[in-house]
Amino acid sequence: MTNPEPTLIVIMTTMPDLERANGIAKILVEEELAACVQVMSSMTSTYIWKEEICQDTEHLLLIKTLQTNYDALATRLRSLHPYETPEIIAIPALAADRDYLSWAISKCSK
């Protein structure tokens, strides 16, 4: 029986400031929990928190990792995250370039 190919996922989270976003991105890559983390420019998020409508500037992180790393990455992200209830949403990659997937596997397979 052949092992199935690892599944690449993209985890989304947001941070309130660029310095923290870049710091967390570096930690996740250094600890080999993620192959790559992209920090997006500021955006405005609108949401309800504690029965109030809020609008805040945030930075989106797109974290590329393997499905098998989700639990460890989510645990580490929660430990670093400044929010009481951080957004940690994983989206499976329906398709990925074979070379990119091989590279990602080599960077975040512990």
PDB file of N, CA and C in Angstrom:
ATOM      1  N   MET A   1       0.852  -1.182   0.000  1.00  0.00           N
ATOM      2  CA  MET A   1       0.000   0.000   0.000  1.00  0.00           C
ATOM      3  C   MET A   1       0.895   1.242   0.000  1.00  0.00           C
ATOM      4  N   THR A   2       0.534   2.211  -0.807  1.00  0.00           N
ATOM      5  CA  THR A   2       1.299   3.443  -0.936  1.00  0.00           C
ATOM      6  C   THR A   2       0.780   4.488   0.047  1.00  0.00           C
ATOM      7  N   ASN A   3       1.724   5.218   0.658  1.00  0.00           N
ATOM      8  CA  ASN A   3       1.304   6.317   1.532  1.00  0.00           C
ATOM      9  C   ASN A   3       0.709   7.423   0.687  1.00  0.00           C
ATOM     10  N   PRO A   4      -0.409   7.992   1.119  1.00  0.00           N
ATOM     11  CA  PRO A   4      -0.970   9.109   0.356  1.00  0.00           C
ATOM     12  C   PRO A   4      -0.045  10.317   0.433  1.00  0.00           C
ATOM     13  N   GLU A   5      -0.079  11.102  -0.618  1.00  0.00           N
ATOM     14  CA  GLU A   5       0.747  12.307  -0.654  1.00  0.00           C
ATOM     15  C   GLU A   5       0.295  13.274   0.436  1.00  0.00           C
ATOM     16  N   PRO A   6       1.232  13.924   1.127  1.00  0.00           N
ATOM     17  CA  PRO A   6       0.842  14.894   2.160  1.00  0.00           C
ATOM     18  C   PRO A   6      -0.055  15.993   1.586  1.00  0.00           C
ATOM     19  N   THR A   7      -0.973  16.461   2.399  1.00  0.00           N
ATOM     20  CA  THR A   7      -1.904  17.503   1.984  1.00  0.00           C
ATOM     21  C   THR A   7      -1.392  18.861   2.433  1.00  0.00           C
ATOM     22  N   LEU A   8      -1.248  19.757   1.485  1.00  0.00           N
ATOM     23  CA  LEU A   8      -0.855  21.131   1.778  1.00  0.00           C
ATOM     24  C   LEU A   8      -2.097  21.897   2.221  1.00  0.00           C
ATOM     25  N   ILE A   9      -1.958  22.689   3.280  1.00  0.00           N
ATOM     26  CA  ILE A   9      -3.053  23.552   3.727  1.00  0.00           C
ATOM     27  C   ILE A   9      -2.530  24.977   3.876  1.00  0.00           C
ATOM     28  N   VAL A  10      -3.457  25.921   3.846  1.00  0.00           N
ATOM     29  CA  VAL A  10      -3.149  27.321   4.116  1.00  0.00           C
ATOM     30  C   VAL A  10      -3.948  27.709   5.347  1.00  0.00           C
ATOM     31  N   ILE A  11      -3.245  28.158   6.370  1.00  0.00           N
ATOM     32  CA  ILE A  11      -3.909  28.611   7.595  1.00  0.00           C
ATOM     33  C   ILE A  11      -3.935  30.131   7.579  1.00  0.00           C
ATOM     34  N   MET A  12      -5.097  30.681   7.861  1.00  0.00           N
ATOM     35  CA  MET A  12      -5.253  32.136   7.932  1.00  0.00           C
ATOM     36  C   MET A  12      -5.371  32.551   9.387  1.00  0.00           C
ATOM     37  N   THR A  13      -4.688  33.642   9.708  1.00  0.00           N
ATOM     38  CA  THR A  13      -4.859  34.288  11.004  1.00  0.00           C
ATOM     39  C   THR A  13      -4.608  35.775  10.801  1.00  0.00           C
ATOM     40  N   THR A  14      -5.018  36.578  11.760  1.00  0.00           N
ATOM     41  CA  THR A  14      -4.794  38.015  11.673  1.00  0.00           C
ATOM     42  C   THR A  14      -4.049  38.492  12.910  1.00  0.00           C
ATOM     43  N   MET A  15      -3.315  39.575  12.731  1.00  0.00           N
ATOM     44  CA  MET A  15      -2.549  40.190  13.816  1.00  0.00           C
ATOM     45  C   MET A  15      -2.834  41.695  13.837  1.00  0.00           C
ATOM     46  N   PRO A  16      -2.758  42.298  15.021  1.00  0.00           N
ATOM     47  CA  PRO A  16      -3.067  43.717  15.124  1.00  0.00           C
ATOM     48  C   PRO A  16      -1.952  44.643  14.641  1.00  0.00           C
ATOM     49  N   ASP A  17      -0.708  44.132  14.558  1.00  0.00           N
ATOM     50  CA  ASP A  17       0.382  45.016  14.134  1.00  0.00           C
ATOM     51  C   ASP A  17       1.396  44.233  13.307  1.00  0.00           C
ATOM     52  N   LEU A  18       2.094  44.964  12.450  1.00  0.00           N
ATOM     53  CA  LEU A  18       3.029  44.372  11.503  1.00  0.00           C
ATOM     54  C   LEU A  18       4.230  43.735  12.200  1.00  0.00           C
ATOM     55  N   GLU A  19       4.741  44.364  13.232  1.00  0.00           N
ATOM     56  CA  GLU A  19       5.909  43.826  13.935  1.00  0.00           C
ATOM     57  C   GLU A  19       5.616  42.446  14.522  1.00  0.00           C
ATOM     58  N   ARG A  20       4.480  42.311  15.172  1.00  0.00           N
ATOM     59  CA  ARG A  20       4.095  41.020  15.751  1.00  0.00           C
ATOM     60  C   ARG A  20       3.837  39.998  14.652  1.00  0.00           C
ATOM     61  N   ALA A  21       3.186  40.412  13.570  1.00  0.00           N
ATOM     62  CA  ALA A  21       2.906  39.505  12.453  1.00  0.00           C
ATOM     63  C   ALA A  21       4.204  38.944  11.875  1.00  0.00           C
ATOM     64  N   ASN A  22       5.176  39.810  11.638  1.00  0.00           N
ATOM     65  CA  ASN A  22       6.454  39.358  11.088  1.00  0.00           C
ATOM     66  C   ASN A  22       7.222  38.492  12.083  1.00  0.00           C
ATOM     67  N   GLY A  23       7.141  38.818  13.358  1.00  0.00           N
ATOM     68  CA  GLY A  23       7.809  38.017  14.384  1.00  0.00           C
ATOM     69  C   GLY A  23       7.248  36.612  14.467  1.00  0.00           C
ATOM     70  N   ILE A  24       5.933  36.502  14.444  1.00  0.00           N
ATOM     71  CA  ILE A  24       5.292  35.190  14.504  1.00  0.00           C
ATOM     72  C   ILE A  24       5.568  34.404  13.223  1.00  0.00           C
ATOM     73  N   ALA A  25       5.562  35.071  12.092  1.00  0.00           N
ATOM     74  CA  ALA A  25       5.888  34.406  10.824  1.00  0.00           C
ATOM     75  C   ALA A  25       7.273  33.767  10.911  1.00  0.00           C
ATOM     76  N   LYS A  26       8.226  34.510  11.418  1.00  0.00           N
ATOM     77  CA  LYS A  26       9.602  34.013  11.530  1.00  0.00           C
ATOM     78  C   LYS A  26       9.675  32.807  12.471  1.00  0.00           C
ATOM     79  N   ILE A  27       9.004  32.875  13.601  1.00  0.00           N
ATOM     80  CA  ILE A  27       9.008  31.767  14.563  1.00  0.00           C
ATOM     81  C   ILE A  27       8.433  30.498  13.937  1.00  0.00           C
ATOM     82  N   LEU A  28       7.307  30.602  13.258  1.00  0.00           N
ATOM     83  CA  LEU A  28       6.662  29.424  12.672  1.00  0.00           C
ATOM     84  C   LEU A  28       7.543  28.757  11.622  1.00  0.00           C
ATOM     85  N   VAL A  29       8.272  29.563  10.844  1.00  0.00           N
ATOM     86  CA  VAL A  29       9.171  29.009   9.831  1.00  0.00           C
ATOM     87  C   VAL A  29      10.423  28.433  10.500  1.00  0.00           C
ATOM     88  N   GLU A  30      10.998  29.161  11.458  1.00  0.00           N
ATOM     89  CA  GLU A  30      12.199  28.664  12.155  1.00  0.00           C
ATOM     90  C   GLU A  30      11.941  27.343  12.870  1.00  0.00           C
ATOM     91  N   GLU A  31      10.763  27.197  13.432  1.00  0.00           N
ATOM     92  CA  GLU A  31      10.413  25.973  14.156  1.00  0.00           C
ATOM     93  C   GLU A  31       9.912  24.862  13.236  1.00  0.00           C
ATOM     94  N   GLU A  32       9.959  25.107  11.930  1.00  0.00           N
ATOM     95  CA  GLU A  32       9.559  24.153  10.890  1.00  0.00           C
ATOM     96  C   GLU A  32       8.108  23.698  11.013  1.00  0.00           C
ATOM     97  N   LEU A  33       7.276  24.564  11.558  1.00  0.00           N
ATOM     98  CA  LEU A  33       5.842  24.300  11.589  1.00  0.00           C
ATOM     99  C   LEU A  33       5.190  24.750  10.291  1.00  0.00           C
ATOM    100  N   ALA A  34       5.848  25.677   9.586  1.00  0.00           N
ATOM    101  CA  ALA A  34       5.345  26.201   8.321  1.00  0.00           C
ATOM    102  C   ALA A  34       6.485  26.275   7.319  1.00  0.00           C
ATOM    103  N   ALA A  35       6.164  26.046   6.055  1.00  0.00           N
ATOM    104  CA  ALA A  35       7.156  26.191   4.987  1.00  0.00           C
ATOM    105  C   ALA A  35       7.316  27.659   4.614  1.00  0.00           C
ATOM    106  N   CYS A  36       6.217  28.393   4.686  1.00  0.00           N
ATOM    107  CA  CYS A  36       6.210  29.799   4.268  1.00  0.00           C
ATOM    108  C   CYS A  36       5.054  30.508   4.970  1.00  0.00           C
ATOM    109  N   VAL A  37       5.298  31.753   5.348  1.00  0.00           N
ATOM    110  CA  VAL A  37       4.230  32.586   5.902  1.00  0.00           C
ATOM    111  C   VAL A  37       4.273  33.922   5.171  1.00  0.00           C
ATOM    112  N   GLN A  38       3.176  34.293   4.582  1.00  0.00           N
ATOM    113  CA  GLN A  38       3.067  35.598   3.930  1.00  0.00           C
ATOM    114  C   GLN A  38       2.287  36.540   4.835  1.00  0.00           C
ATOM    115  N   VAL A  39       2.844  37.731   5.028  1.00  0.00           N
ATOM    116  CA  VAL A  39       2.186  38.760   5.834  1.00  0.00           C
ATOM    117  C   VAL A  39       1.653  39.807   4.865  1.00  0.00           C
ATOM    118  N   MET A  40       0.356  39.973   4.876  1.00  0.00           N
ATOM    119  CA  MET A  40      -0.302  40.898   3.952  1.00  0.00           C
ATOM    120  C   MET A  40      -0.393  42.293   4.573  1.00  0.00           C
ATOM    121  N   SER A  41      -0.453  43.269   3.697  1.00  0.00           N
ATOM    122  CA  SER A  41      -0.599  44.658   4.133  1.00  0.00           C
ATOM    123  C   SER A  41      -1.862  44.833   4.960  1.00  0.00           C
ATOM    124  N   SER A  42      -1.948  45.967   5.575  1.00  0.00           N
ATOM    125  CA  SER A  42      -3.076  46.204   6.471  1.00  0.00           C
ATOM    126  C   SER A  42      -4.410  46.176   5.731  1.00  0.00           C
ATOM    127  N   MET A  43      -5.407  45.775   6.482  1.00  0.00           N
ATOM    128  CA  MET A  43      -6.789  45.718   5.989  1.00  0.00           C
ATOM    129  C   MET A  43      -7.685  46.093   7.158  1.00  0.00           C
ATOM    130  N   THR A  44      -8.922  46.339   6.872  1.00  0.00           N
ATOM    131  CA  THR A  44      -9.882  46.639   7.929  1.00  0.00           C
ATOM    132  C   THR A  44     -10.784  45.438   8.127  1.00  0.00           C
ATOM    133  N   SER A  45     -10.874  44.984   9.359  1.00  0.00           N
ATOM    134  CA  SER A  45     -11.771  43.882   9.710  1.00  0.00           C
ATOM    135  C   SER A  45     -12.957  44.446  10.477  1.00  0.00           C
ATOM    136  N   THR A  46     -14.146  44.001  10.116  1.00  0.00           N
ATOM    137  CA  THR A  46     -15.375  44.401  10.792  1.00  0.00           C
ATOM    138  C   THR A  46     -15.993  43.144  11.386  1.00  0.00           C
ATOM    139  N   TYR A  47     -16.299  43.179  12.678  1.00  0.00           N
ATOM    140  CA  TYR A  47     -16.781  41.997  13.374  1.00  0.00           C
ATOM    141  C   TYR A  47     -17.521  42.415  14.652  1.00  0.00           C
ATOM    142  N   ILE A  48     -18.221  41.462  15.231  1.00  0.00           N
ATOM    143  CA  ILE A  48     -18.889  41.701  16.510  1.00  0.00           C
ATOM    144  C   ILE A  48     -18.079  41.003  17.591  1.00  0.00           C
ATOM    145  N   TRP A  49     -17.715  41.725  18.622  1.00  0.00           N
ATOM    146  CA  TRP A  49     -16.980  41.166  19.756  1.00  0.00           C
ATOM    147  C   TRP A  49     -17.607  41.702  21.034  1.00  0.00           C
ATOM    148  N   LYS A  50     -18.018  40.782  21.894  1.00  0.00           N
ATOM    149  CA  LYS A  50     -18.661  41.134  23.160  1.00  0.00           C
ATOM    150  C   LYS A  50     -19.830  42.099  22.946  1.00  0.00           C
ATOM    151  N   GLU A  51     -20.658  41.717  21.973  1.00  0.00           N
ATOM    152  CA  GLU A  51     -21.900  42.431  21.645  1.00  0.00           C
ATOM    153  C   GLU A  51     -21.685  43.831  21.073  1.00  0.00           C
ATOM    154  N   GLU A  52     -20.496  44.152  20.621  1.00  0.00           N
ATOM    155  CA  GLU A  52     -20.211  45.459  20.011  1.00  0.00           C
ATOM    156  C   GLU A  52     -19.654  45.259  18.615  1.00  0.00           C
ATOM    157  N   ILE A  53     -20.059  46.136  17.712  1.00  0.00           N
ATOM    158  CA  ILE A  53     -19.464  46.110  16.372  1.00  0.00           C
ATOM    159  C   ILE A  53     -18.113  46.791  16.449  1.00  0.00           C
ATOM    160  N   CYS A  54     -17.097  46.120  15.902  1.00  0.00           N
ATOM    161  CA  CYS A  54     -15.729  46.642  15.932  1.00  0.00           C
ATOM    162  C   CYS A  54     -15.196  46.753  14.512  1.00  0.00           C
ATOM    163  N   GLN A  55     -14.346  47.730  14.296  1.00  0.00           N
ATOM    164  CA  GLN A  55     -13.597  47.864  13.050  1.00  0.00           C
ATOM    165  C   GLN A  55     -12.159  48.155  13.433  1.00  0.00           C
ATOM    166  N   ASP A  56     -11.272  47.252  13.025  1.00  0.00           N
ATOM    167  CA  ASP A  56      -9.870  47.386  13.382  1.00  0.00           C
ATOM    168  C   ASP A  56      -8.984  47.132  12.176  1.00  0.00           C
ATOM    169  N   THR A  57      -7.826  47.745  12.188  1.00  0.00           N
ATOM    170  CA  THR A  57      -6.805  47.471  11.200  1.00  0.00           C
ATOM    171  C   THR A  57      -6.066  46.219  11.642  1.00  0.00           C
ATOM    172  N   GLU A  58      -5.913  45.278  10.719  1.00  0.00           N
ATOM    173  CA  GLU A  58      -5.221  44.036  11.010  1.00  0.00           C
ATOM    174  C   GLU A  58      -4.334  43.665   9.824  1.00  0.00           C
ATOM    175  N   HIS A  59      -3.460  42.684  10.061  1.00  0.00           N
ATOM    176  CA  HIS A  59      -2.603  42.130   9.021  1.00  0.00           C
ATOM    177  C   HIS A  59      -2.927  40.648   8.902  1.00  0.00           C
ATOM    178  N   LEU A  60      -3.134  40.197   7.674  1.00  0.00           N
ATOM    179  CA  LEU A  60      -3.471  38.801   7.415  1.00  0.00           C
ATOM    180  C   LEU A  60      -2.195  37.999   7.210  1.00  0.00           C
ATOM    181  N   LEU A  61      -2.106  36.857   7.883  1.00  0.00           N
ATOM    182  CA  LEU A  61      -1.017  35.918   7.667  1.00  0.00           C
ATOM    183  C   LEU A  61      -1.575  34.716   6.922  1.00  0.00           C
ATOM    184  N   LEU A  62      -0.896  34.340   5.838  1.00  0.00           N
ATOM    185  CA  LEU A  62      -1.220  33.130   5.092  1.00  0.00           C
ATOM    186  C   LEU A  62      -0.081  32.153   5.349  1.00  0.00           C
ATOM    187  N   ILE A  63      -0.387  31.098   6.070  1.00  0.00           N
ATOM    188  CA  ILE A  63       0.619  30.159   6.553  1.00  0.00           C
ATOM    189  C   ILE A  63       0.501  28.865   5.751  1.00  0.00           C
ATOM    190  N   LYS A  64       1.573  28.511   5.015  1.00  0.00           N
ATOM    191  CA  LYS A  64       1.565  27.280   4.225  1.00  0.00           C
ATOM    192  C   LYS A  64       2.229  26.174   5.032  1.00  0.00           C
ATOM    193  N   THR A  65       1.507  25.079   5.221  1.00  0.00           N
ATOM    194  CA  THR A  65       2.020  23.959   5.993  1.00  0.00           C
ATOM    195  C   THR A  65       1.344  22.681   5.519  1.00  0.00           C
ATOM    196  N   LEU A  66       1.644  21.580   6.193  1.00  0.00           N
ATOM    197  CA  LEU A  66       1.025  20.300   5.883  1.00  0.00           C
ATOM    198  C   LEU A  66      -0.107  20.028   6.864  1.00  0.00           C
ATOM    199  N   GLN A  67      -1.103  19.324   6.397  1.00  0.00           N
ATOM    200  CA  GLN A  67      -2.253  18.970   7.240  1.00  0.00           C
ATOM    201  C   GLN A  67      -1.792  18.312   8.532  1.00  0.00           C
ATOM    202  N   THR A  68      -0.759  17.489   8.452  1.00  0.00           N
ATOM    203  CA  THR A  68      -0.256  16.779   9.630  1.00  0.00           C
ATOM    204  C   THR A  68       0.345  17.721  10.673  1.00  0.00           C
ATOM    205  N   ASN A  69       0.659  18.953  10.294  1.00  0.00           N
ATOM    206  CA  ASN A  69       1.220  19.933  11.225  1.00  0.00           C
ATOM    207  C   ASN A  69       0.157  20.816  11.864  1.00  0.00           C
ATOM    208  N   TYR A  70      -1.109  20.657  11.451  1.00  0.00           N
ATOM    209  CA  TYR A  70      -2.138  21.591  11.897  1.00  0.00           C
ATOM    210  C   TYR A  70      -2.210  21.708  13.421  1.00  0.00           C
ATOM    211  N   ASP A  71      -2.332  20.599  14.119  1.00  0.00           N
ATOM    212  CA  ASP A  71      -2.519  20.668  15.574  1.00  0.00           C
ATOM    213  C   ASP A  71      -1.353  21.353  16.265  1.00  0.00           C
ATOM    214  N   ALA A  72      -0.126  20.973  15.907  1.00  0.00           N
ATOM    215  CA  ALA A  72       1.060  21.582  16.530  1.00  0.00           C
ATOM    216  C   ALA A  72       1.155  23.061  16.182  1.00  0.00           C
ATOM    217  N   LEU A  73       0.874  23.396  14.933  1.00  0.00           N
ATOM    218  CA  LEU A  73       0.947  24.798  14.522  1.00  0.00           C
ATOM    219  C   LEU A  73      -0.131  25.623  15.218  1.00  0.00           C
ATOM    220  N   ALA A  74      -1.340  25.107  15.275  1.00  0.00           N
ATOM    221  CA  ALA A  74      -2.433  25.841  15.929  1.00  0.00           C
ATOM    222  C   ALA A  74      -2.137  26.055  17.416  1.00  0.00           C
ATOM    223  N   THR A  75      -1.592  25.044  18.064  1.00  0.00           N
ATOM    224  CA  THR A  75      -1.231  25.165  19.483  1.00  0.00           C
ATOM    225  C   THR A  75      -0.167  26.242  19.666  1.00  0.00           C
ATOM    226  N   ARG A  76       0.864  26.202  18.821  1.00  0.00           N
ATOM    227  CA  ARG A  76       1.940  27.198  18.922  1.00  0.00           C
ATOM    228  C   ARG A  76       1.415  28.592  18.608  1.00  0.00           C
ATOM    229  N   LEU A  77       0.584  28.702  17.597  1.00  0.00           N
ATOM    230  CA  LEU A  77       0.023  29.997  17.214  1.00  0.00           C
ATOM    231  C   LEU A  77      -0.811  30.578  18.353  1.00  0.00           C
ATOM    232  N   ARG A  78      -1.624  29.755  18.996  1.00  0.00           N
ATOM    233  CA  ARG A  78      -2.415  30.237  20.145  1.00  0.00           C
ATOM    234  C   ARG A  78      -1.505  30.737  21.266  1.00  0.00           C
ATOM    235  N   SER A  79      -0.374  30.074  21.476  1.00  0.00           N
ATOM    236  CA  SER A  79       0.534  30.484  22.551  1.00  0.00           C
ATOM    237  C   SER A  79       1.210  31.822  22.248  1.00  0.00           C
ATOM    238  N   LEU A  80       1.343  32.170  20.986  1.00  0.00           N
ATOM    239  CA  LEU A  80       1.997  33.411  20.578  1.00  0.00           C
ATOM    240  C   LEU A  80       1.011  34.550  20.310  1.00  0.00           C
ATOM    241  N   HIS A  81      -0.234  34.210  20.087  1.00  0.00           N
ATOM    242  CA  HIS A  81      -1.232  35.167  19.585  1.00  0.00           C
ATOM    243  C   HIS A  81      -1.699  36.124  20.677  1.00  0.00           C
ATOM    244  N   PRO A  82      -1.836  37.403  20.339  1.00  0.00           N
ATOM    245  CA  PRO A  82      -2.286  38.372  21.340  1.00  0.00           C
ATOM    246  C   PRO A  82      -3.801  38.381  21.566  1.00  0.00           C
ATOM    247  N   TYR A  83      -4.574  37.778  20.666  1.00  0.00           N
ATOM    248  CA  TYR A  83      -6.028  37.830  20.795  1.00  0.00           C
ATOM    249  C   TYR A  83      -6.544  36.750  21.737  1.00  0.00           C
ATOM    250  N   GLU A  84      -7.616  37.070  22.442  1.00  0.00           N
ATOM    251  CA  GLU A  84      -8.275  36.117  23.325  1.00  0.00           C
ATOM    252  C   GLU A  84      -8.809  34.921  22.529  1.00  0.00           C
ATOM    253  N   THR A  85      -9.381  35.202  21.367  1.00  0.00           N
ATOM    254  CA  THR A  85      -9.912  34.159  20.484  1.00  0.00           C
ATOM    255  C   THR A  85      -9.359  34.397  19.081  1.00  0.00           C
ATOM    256  N   PRO A  86      -8.181  33.857  18.788  1.00  0.00           N
ATOM    257  CA  PRO A  86      -7.576  34.116  17.479  1.00  0.00           C
ATOM    258  C   PRO A  86      -8.283  33.360  16.356  1.00  0.00           C
ATOM    259  N   GLU A  87      -8.268  33.967  15.200  1.00  0.00           N
ATOM    260  CA  GLU A  87      -8.731  33.300  13.979  1.00  0.00           C
ATOM    261  C   GLU A  87      -7.648  32.308  13.582  1.00  0.00           C
ATOM    262  N   ILE A  88      -8.010  31.044  13.515  1.00  0.00           N
ATOM    263  CA  ILE A  88      -7.097  30.014  13.012  1.00  0.00           C
ATOM    264  C   ILE A  88      -7.948  29.123  12.110  1.00  0.00           C
ATOM    265  N   ILE A  89      -7.899  29.404  10.821  1.00  0.00           N
ATOM    266  CA  ILE A  89      -8.738  28.718   9.843  1.00  0.00           C
ATOM    267  C   ILE A  89      -7.834  28.036   8.824  1.00  0.00           C
ATOM    268  N   ALA A  90      -8.026  26.741   8.618  1.00  0.00           N
ATOM    269  CA  ALA A  90      -7.234  25.995   7.644  1.00  0.00           C
ATOM    270  C   ALA A  90      -8.058  25.730   6.389  1.00  0.00           C
ATOM    271  N   ILE A  91      -7.436  25.962   5.256  1.00  0.00           N
ATOM    272  CA  ILE A  91      -8.061  25.726   3.956  1.00  0.00           C
ATOM    273  C   ILE A  91      -7.185  24.733   3.201  1.00  0.00           C
ATOM    274  N   PRO A  92      -7.743  23.600   2.757  1.00  0.00           N
ATOM    275  CA  PRO A  92      -6.929  22.645   2.022  1.00  0.00           C
ATOM    276  C   PRO A  92      -6.614  23.160   0.613  1.00  0.00           C
ATOM    277  N   ALA A  93      -5.410  22.856   0.161  1.00  0.00           N
ATOM    278  CA  ALA A  93      -5.046  23.174  -1.226  1.00  0.00           C
ATOM    279  C   ALA A  93      -5.598  22.049  -2.094  1.00  0.00           C
ATOM    280  N   LEU A  94      -6.492  22.366  -2.992  1.00  0.00           N
ATOM    281  CA  LEU A  94      -7.080  21.347  -3.860  1.00  0.00           C
ATOM    282  C   LEU A  94      -6.063  20.805  -4.846  1.00  0.00           C
ATOM    283  N   ALA A  95      -5.105  21.639  -5.187  1.00  0.00           N
ATOM    284  CA  ALA A  95      -4.025  21.241  -6.091  1.00  0.00           C
ATOM    285  C   ALA A  95      -2.808  22.081  -5.743  1.00  0.00           C
ATOM    286  N   ALA A  96      -1.635  21.504  -5.964  1.00  0.00           N
ATOM    287  CA  ALA A  96      -0.393  22.234  -5.714  1.00  0.00           C
ATOM    288  C   ALA A  96       0.646  21.758  -6.716  1.00  0.00           C
ATOM    289  N   ASP A  97       1.436  22.689  -7.188  1.00  0.00           N
ATOM    290  CA  ASP A  97       2.533  22.341  -8.075  1.00  0.00           C
ATOM    291  C   ASP A  97       3.413  21.302  -7.379  1.00  0.00           C
ATOM    292  N   ARG A  98       3.777  20.250  -8.079  1.00  0.00           N
ATOM    293  CA  ARG A  98       4.540  19.149  -7.488  1.00  0.00           C
ATOM    294  C   ARG A  98       5.856  19.628  -6.889  1.00  0.00           C
ATOM    295  N   ASP A  99       6.560  20.520  -7.577  1.00  0.00           N
ATOM    296  CA  ASP A  99       7.829  21.029  -7.055  1.00  0.00           C
ATOM    297  C   ASP A  99       7.607  21.859  -5.789  1.00  0.00           C
ATOM    298  N   TYR A 100       6.562  22.676  -5.786  1.00  0.00           N
ATOM    299  CA  TYR A 100       6.264  23.481  -4.592  1.00  0.00           C
ATOM    300  C   TYR A 100       5.900  22.567  -3.429  1.00  0.00           C
ATOM    301  N   LEU A 101       5.081  21.561  -3.688  1.00  0.00           N
ATOM    302  CA  LEU A 101       4.684  20.635  -2.626  1.00  0.00           C
ATOM    303  C   LEU A 101       5.911  19.901  -2.080  1.00  0.00           C
ATOM    304  N   SER A 102       6.793  19.455  -2.948  1.00  0.00           N
ATOM    305  CA  SER A 102       8.023  18.779  -2.492  1.00  0.00           C
ATOM    306  C   SER A 102       8.853  19.706  -1.626  1.00  0.00           C
ATOM    307  N   TRP A 103       8.964  20.958  -2.042  1.00  0.00           N
ATOM    308  CA  TRP A 103       9.709  21.952  -1.249  1.00  0.00           C
ATOM    309  C   TRP A 103       9.049  22.142   0.121  1.00  0.00           C
ATOM    310  N   ALA A 104       7.727  22.305   0.131  1.00  0.00           N
ATOM    311  CA  ALA A 104       6.999  22.509   1.397  1.00  0.00           C
ATOM    312  C   ALA A 104       7.189  21.312   2.326  1.00  0.00           C
ATOM    313  N   ILE A 105       7.117  20.114   1.766  1.00  0.00           N
ATOM    314  CA  ILE A 105       7.312  18.909   2.571  1.00  0.00           C
ATOM    315  C   ILE A 105       8.702  18.922   3.203  1.00  0.00           C
ATOM    316  N   SER A 106       9.690  19.329   2.421  1.00  0.00           N
ATOM    317  CA  SER A 106      11.075  19.333   2.936  1.00  0.00           C
ATOM    318  C   SER A 106      11.292  20.379   4.023  1.00  0.00           C
ATOM    319  N   LYS A 107      10.466  21.422   4.035  1.00  0.00           N
ATOM    320  CA  LYS A 107      10.655  22.512   4.997  1.00  0.00           C
ATOM    321  C   LYS A 107       9.841  22.348   6.278  1.00  0.00           C
ATOM    322  N   CYS A 108       8.785  21.566   6.234  1.00  0.00           N
ATOM    323  CA  CYS A 108       7.956  21.483   7.448  1.00  0.00           C
ATOM    324  C   CYS A 108       7.511  20.060   7.777  1.00  0.00           C
ATOM    325  N   SER A 109       8.337  19.097   7.455  1.00  0.00           N
ATOM    326  CA  SER A 109       8.078  17.726   7.874  1.00  0.00           C
ATOM    327  C   SER A 109       9.041  17.355   8.970  1.00  0.00           C
ATOM    328  N   LYS A 110       8.533  17.295  10.170  1.00  0.00           N
ATOM    329  CA  LYS A 110       9.393  16.931  11.314  1.00  0.00           C
ATOM    330  C   LYS A 110       9.381  15.446  11.508  1.00  0.00           C
TER     331      LYS A 110
END
